[in-house]
């Protein structure tokens, strides 16, 4: 790795954010007598989901945020799940609601997403929050793209006028990522599985953001010298967690790059905590 290559350390930056959040939570409890609360709705028995929920709860506990898991059976009916959501929407003690995907097959994901109170929708999947993102309004945005933007800000990376390629166009990362970048006046291209020649875009880009879920999809010959590379991918290969970028080779050409793990992932959790506290403040104000 060249001396000039900057490792964008999401683990370190996430801890800085968590320390600030912890102080805010203590202040809310001291001055308002309230503790921010996050509710995670989980239906089924997916081991990966259970592991991620435990991580979320552990970090919530570290900063003083109360978290609960609404643990539902895998055969729950859509009607019963929507009733659980309605209770959470109307519970003034609950500041944020997360739906742990995937949901059971008998449940309509879209109907569930549309049933969440937009003011508690920390995943920002509700059409209201998506619409606000399009017009650069004041609403929640998905935590992973929000975390990438926070990483740019914390490392003073200018986005205005930059050519950026986003690889992957999911509703969770790719699409909201592109909108956030456009709102910062970057020039954005979006590549996906049907793009004819992804390299023709990435090799011309100042910044490449990859969220495709394909191990080592982006290789050194696909980025230009001095590019900034953000790897959002999380894949398990031979028992190891790797990203969508061939890190060891790409870092020799990049001016800055995120590792996996330790890059975008920790920032996602940090944004979830931040948004939970913000929702608590907004509910107090209203």
Protein backbone atom coordinates (compact mmCIF):
# COMPACT_ATOMS: atom_id res chain seq x y z
CA UNK A 1 0.00 0.00 0.00
CA UNK A 2 1.33 3.43 -0.91
CA UNK A 3 1.88 5.90 1.91
CA UNK A 4 -0.64 8.27 0.40
CA UNK A 5 -3.53 5.81 0.49
CA UNK A 6 -5.96 6.79 3.22
CA UNK A 7 -7.85 4.00 4.98
CA UNK A 8 -11.32 5.32 5.75
CA UNK A 9 -11.76 3.74 9.16
CA UNK A 10 -15.45 3.43 9.94
CA UNK A 11 -14.76 1.67 13.23
CA UNK A 12 -12.85 4.64 14.63
CA UNK A 13 -15.31 7.23 13.32
CA UNK A 14 -18.27 5.21 14.56
CA UNK A 15 -16.83 5.19 18.08
CA UNK A 16 -16.47 8.98 17.95
CA UNK A 17 -20.14 9.28 17.02
CA UNK A 18 -21.15 6.81 19.72
CA UNK A 19 -19.38 8.89 22.38
CA UNK A 20 -21.33 11.96 21.30
CA UNK A 21 -24.59 9.99 21.27
CA UNK A 22 -23.91 8.68 24.77
CA UNK A 23 -23.57 12.26 26.04
CA UNK A 24 -26.83 13.24 24.30
CA UNK A 25 -28.68 10.28 25.81
CA UNK A 26 -27.41 11.16 29.31
CA UNK A 27 -28.54 14.76 28.78
CA UNK A 28 -32.02 13.65 27.66
CA UNK A 29 -32.38 11.46 30.72
CA UNK A 30 -31.13 14.17 33.10
CA UNK A 31 -33.11 17.08 31.63
CA UNK A 32 -36.23 15.42 30.21
CA UNK A 33 -36.43 12.18 32.17
CA UNK A 34 -36.66 10.09 29.00
CA UNK A 35 -34.51 7.38 27.42
CA UNK A 36 -34.61 6.89 23.62
CA UNK A 37 -36.09 3.52 22.69
CA UNK A 38 -35.66 1.37 19.59
CA UNK A 39 -38.00 -1.51 18.73
CA UNK A 40 -36.77 -4.24 16.38
CA UNK A 41 -39.46 -6.43 14.81
CA UNK A 42 -38.22 -9.93 14.01
CA UNK A 43 -40.30 -12.79 12.65
CA UNK A 44 -38.81 -16.24 12.16
CA UNK A 45 -35.56 -17.91 13.05
CA UNK A 46 -32.89 -16.58 10.66
CA UNK A 47 -29.48 -17.05 12.40
CA UNK A 48 -27.82 -14.15 10.56
CA UNK A 49 -30.66 -11.83 11.54
CA UNK A 50 -30.45 -12.95 15.16
CA UNK A 51 -26.71 -12.26 15.21
CA UNK A 52 -27.17 -8.78 13.73
CA UNK A 53 -29.94 -7.96 16.21
CA UNK A 54 -27.67 -8.93 19.11
CA UNK A 55 -25.01 -6.57 17.76
CA UNK A 56 -27.55 -3.74 17.47
CA UNK A 57 -28.73 -4.30 21.03
CA UNK A 58 -25.21 -4.49 22.41
CA UNK A 59 -24.25 -1.15 20.89
CA UNK A 60 -27.55 0.44 21.95
CA UNK A 61 -26.76 -0.64 25.50
CA UNK A 62 -23.29 0.92 25.29
CA UNK A 63 -24.69 4.37 24.56
CA UNK A 64 -27.69 4.09 26.90
CA UNK A 65 -30.44 3.61 24.29
CA UNK A 66 -33.17 1.18 25.32
CA UNK A 67 -33.80 -1.56 22.77
CA UNK A 68 -36.40 -4.29 22.56
CA UNK A 69 -36.95 -7.16 20.16
CA UNK A 70 -40.52 -7.89 19.20
CA UNK A 71 -39.84 -11.58 18.56
CA UNK A 72 -42.62 -13.08 16.45
CA UNK A 73 -43.14 -16.63 15.18
CA UNK A 74 -42.24 -17.45 11.60
CA UNK A 75 -45.82 -18.50 10.85
CA UNK A 76 -47.34 -15.23 12.05
CA UNK A 77 -50.16 -13.95 9.87
CA UNK A 78 -49.84 -10.66 8.04
CA UNK A 79 -52.81 -9.32 10.00
CA UNK A 80 -51.18 -10.11 13.35
CA UNK A 81 -47.86 -8.59 12.31
CA UNK A 82 -49.58 -5.40 11.19
CA UNK A 83 -51.38 -5.28 14.54
CA UNK A 84 -48.02 -5.46 16.33
CA UNK A 85 -46.79 -2.58 14.19
CA UNK A 86 -49.87 -0.54 14.98
CA UNK A 87 -49.17 -0.95 18.70
CA UNK A 88 -45.60 0.27 18.21
CA UNK A 89 -46.74 3.21 16.08
CA UNK A 90 -49.03 4.31 18.89
CA UNK A 91 -46.58 3.73 21.74
CA UNK A 92 -45.17 7.12 22.75
CA UNK A 93 -42.22 5.42 24.45
CA UNK A 94 -41.02 3.95 21.14
CA UNK A 95 -38.91 6.34 19.08
CA UNK A 96 -37.75 4.08 16.29
CA UNK A 97 -38.98 0.94 14.57
CA UNK A 98 -36.84 -1.45 12.53
CA UNK A 99 -38.23 -4.37 10.54
CA UNK A 100 -35.63 -7.11 10.35
CA UNK A 101 -35.68 -8.53 6.84
CA UNK A 102 -36.41 -11.01 5.39
CA UNK A 103 -40.00 -11.33 6.51
CA UNK A 104 -41.86 -14.66 6.24
CA UNK A 105 -43.24 -15.51 2.79
CA UNK A 106 -46.87 -15.09 3.84
CA UNK A 107 -46.28 -11.44 4.73
CA UNK A 108 -46.32 -8.67 2.10
CA UNK A 109 -43.12 -6.67 2.66
CA UNK A 110 -44.48 -3.58 0.93
CA UNK A 111 -47.65 -3.54 3.02
CA UNK A 112 -45.59 -3.80 6.21
CA UNK A 113 -43.23 -0.99 5.16
CA UNK A 114 -46.17 1.28 4.31
CA UNK A 115 -47.71 0.54 7.74
CA UNK A 116 -44.80 1.99 9.74
CA UNK A 117 -45.20 5.52 11.06
CA UNK A 118 -42.81 7.52 8.83
CA UNK A 119 -41.63 9.44 11.92
CA UNK A 120 -40.44 6.15 13.45
CA UNK A 121 -39.22 4.55 10.23
CA UNK A 122 -35.47 4.54 10.89
CA UNK A 123 -34.82 2.29 7.88
CA UNK A 124 -36.43 5.05 5.77
CA UNK A 125 -38.20 2.58 3.50
CA UNK A 126 -41.61 4.25 3.76
CA UNK A 127 -42.63 6.05 0.52
CA UNK A 128 -42.97 9.31 2.47
CA UNK A 129 -39.33 9.20 3.56
CA UNK A 130 -38.18 8.18 0.09
CA UNK A 131 -40.08 11.11 -1.38
CA UNK A 132 -38.48 13.51 1.09
CA UNK A 133 -35.07 12.16 0.09
CA UNK A 134 -35.80 12.81 -3.59
CA UNK A 135 -36.53 16.49 -2.90
CA UNK A 136 -33.71 16.77 -0.31
CA UNK A 137 -36.27 17.26 2.42
CA UNK A 138 -36.10 16.74 6.16
CA UNK A 139 -36.67 13.04 6.82
CA UNK A 140 -34.79 9.88 7.69
CA UNK A 141 -32.62 8.22 5.08
CA UNK A 142 -31.43 4.59 5.03
CA UNK A 143 -28.67 4.15 7.59
CA UNK A 144 -26.01 2.64 5.33
CA UNK A 145 -25.99 5.44 2.70
CA UNK A 146 -26.28 7.95 5.53
CA UNK A 147 -23.23 6.37 7.15
CA UNK A 148 -21.23 6.63 3.93
CA UNK A 149 -22.11 10.31 3.68
CA UNK A 150 -21.06 10.82 7.30
CA UNK A 151 -17.75 9.12 6.51
CA UNK A 152 -17.18 11.52 3.62
CA UNK A 153 -17.88 14.46 5.93
CA UNK A 154 -15.66 13.21 8.76
CA UNK A 155 -12.75 12.82 6.35
CA UNK A 156 -13.49 16.16 4.62
CA UNK A 157 -14.06 14.56 1.23
CA UNK A 158 -15.66 17.04 -1.15
CA UNK A 159 -18.49 15.67 -3.31
CA UNK A 160 -19.58 18.74 -5.28
CA UNK A 161 -18.70 18.35 -8.94
CA UNK A 162 -17.17 14.89 -8.50
CA UNK A 163 -17.89 12.05 -10.90
CA UNK A 164 -19.28 9.18 -8.83
CA UNK A 165 -20.32 5.69 -9.85
CA UNK A 166 -22.61 3.66 -7.60
CA UNK A 167 -22.46 -0.06 -8.37
CA UNK A 168 -25.71 -1.68 -7.26
CA UNK A 169 -29.22 -0.20 -7.39
CA UNK A 170 -31.04 -1.71 -4.42
CA UNK A 171 -33.71 0.25 -2.56
CA UNK A 172 -31.64 -0.17 0.62
CA UNK A 173 -28.30 1.22 -0.56
CA UNK A 174 -27.81 1.97 -4.26
CA UNK A 175 -30.81 4.16 -5.05
CA UNK A 176 -30.76 6.27 -1.85
CA UNK A 177 -26.97 6.54 -2.13
CA UNK A 178 -27.31 8.02 -5.61
CA UNK A 179 -29.94 10.50 -4.42
CA UNK A 180 -27.82 11.65 -1.46
CA UNK A 181 -24.89 12.23 -3.79
CA UNK A 182 -27.05 14.14 -6.26
CA UNK A 183 -28.27 16.30 -3.39
CA UNK A 184 -24.61 17.20 -2.78
CA UNK A 185 -24.19 18.15 -6.46
CA UNK A 186 -22.08 15.18 -7.48
CA UNK A 187 -22.48 13.78 -10.99
CA UNK A 188 -23.77 10.26 -10.49
CA UNK A 189 -23.85 7.12 -12.62
CA UNK A 190 -25.58 3.98 -11.36
CA UNK A 191 -24.51 0.53 -12.58
CA UNK A 192 -26.33 -2.73 -11.95
CA UNK A 193 -26.58 -6.33 -13.09
CA UNK A 194 -27.82 -5.33 -16.56
CA UNK A 195 -25.19 -2.64 -17.17
CA UNK A 196 -23.28 -3.60 -20.31
CA UNK A 197 -19.84 -2.34 -19.27
CA UNK A 198 -19.48 -1.35 -15.64
CA UNK A 199 -15.74 -0.72 -16.00
CA UNK A 200 -16.37 2.01 -18.56
CA UNK A 201 -18.07 3.97 -15.76
CA UNK A 202 -15.86 3.09 -12.80
CA UNK A 203 -12.56 3.80 -14.59
CA UNK A 204 -13.71 7.38 -15.27
CA UNK A 205 -14.96 8.08 -11.75
CA UNK A 206 -13.40 10.10 -8.95
CA UNK A 207 -15.39 8.05 -6.42
CA UNK A 208 -16.67 4.48 -6.72
CA UNK A 209 -19.23 3.15 -4.23
CA UNK A 210 -19.95 -0.57 -4.44
CA UNK A 211 -22.98 -2.33 -2.93
CA UNK A 212 -23.63 -5.31 -5.19
CA UNK A 213 -23.10 -8.30 -2.90
CA UNK A 214 -20.54 -9.90 -5.23
CA UNK A 215 -17.12 -10.73 -3.72
CA UNK A 216 -14.18 -8.97 -5.41
CA UNK A 217 -16.41 -7.57 -8.15
CA UNK A 218 -14.29 -4.41 -8.47
CA UNK A 219 -10.69 -5.10 -9.40
CA UNK A 220 -7.70 -2.78 -9.75
CA UNK A 221 -8.10 -2.41 -13.51
CA UNK A 222 -11.62 -1.04 -12.93
CA UNK A 223 -10.56 2.07 -10.98
CA UNK A 224 -8.44 4.99 -12.00
CA UNK A 225 -5.34 6.12 -10.17
CA UNK A 226 -6.23 8.22 -7.13
CA UNK A 227 -9.89 7.23 -6.97
CA UNK A 228 -11.80 7.02 -3.69
CA UNK A 229 -13.37 3.58 -3.23
CA UNK A 230 -16.19 2.83 -0.78
CA UNK A 231 -16.98 -0.85 -0.30
CA UNK A 232 -20.41 -1.51 1.20
CA UNK A 233 -20.43 -5.21 0.37
CA UNK A 234 -20.41 -7.89 3.06
CA UNK A 235 -19.81 -11.44 1.83
CA UNK A 236 -18.57 -14.61 3.48
CA UNK A 237 -15.87 -16.44 1.53
CA UNK A 238 -14.04 -19.44 3.03
CA UNK A 239 -15.13 -18.41 6.50
CA UNK A 240 -13.89 -14.81 6.10
CA UNK A 241 -15.84 -11.59 5.65
CA UNK A 242 -14.88 -9.80 2.43
CA UNK A 243 -16.34 -6.92 0.47
CA UNK A 244 -17.21 -6.32 -3.15
CA UNK A 245 -13.78 -4.80 -3.84
CA UNK A 246 -10.46 -6.60 -4.32
CA UNK A 247 -9.05 -4.59 -1.43
CA UNK A 248 -5.40 -5.65 -1.52
CA UNK A 249 -4.93 -4.71 -5.17
CA UNK A 250 -7.32 -1.76 -5.44
CA UNK A 251 -5.74 -0.01 -2.45
CA UNK A 252 -2.50 0.30 -4.45
CA UNK A 253 -4.28 2.63 -6.88
CA UNK A 254 -6.82 4.35 -4.63
CA UNK A 255 -6.19 7.59 -2.77
CA UNK A 256 -8.68 6.46 -0.11
CA UNK A 257 -10.53 3.21 0.52
CA UNK A 258 -12.76 1.55 3.11
CA UNK A 259 -11.82 -1.84 4.55
CA UNK A 260 -14.26 -4.72 5.03
CA UNK A 261 -15.00 -5.25 7.80
CA UNK A 262 -14.50 -1.94 9.57
CA UNK A 263 -15.56 0.55 6.92
CA UNK A 264 -19.19 1.26 6.04
CA UNK A 265 -20.65 -1.33 8.45
CA UNK A 266 -19.87 0.40 11.76
CA UNK A 267 -21.12 3.69 10.32
CA UNK A 268 -24.50 2.08 9.59
CA UNK A 269 -24.94 1.24 13.27
CA UNK A 270 -23.81 4.72 14.29
CA UNK A 271 -26.46 6.33 12.09
CA UNK A 272 -29.14 4.06 13.55
CA UNK A 273 -28.22 5.28 17.04
CA UNK A 274 -28.10 8.91 15.92
CA UNK A 275 -31.51 8.70 14.27
CA UNK A 276 -33.08 7.01 17.30
CA UNK A 277 -31.95 9.90 19.49
CA UNK A 278 -33.12 12.45 16.91
CA UNK A 279 -36.55 10.81 16.78
CA UNK A 280 -36.75 11.03 20.58
CA UNK A 281 -35.92 14.75 20.44
CA UNK A 282 -38.50 15.34 17.69
CA UNK A 283 -41.22 13.55 19.65
CA UNK A 284 -40.44 15.65 22.71
CA UNK A 285 -40.62 18.82 20.63
CA UNK A 286 -44.03 17.87 19.26
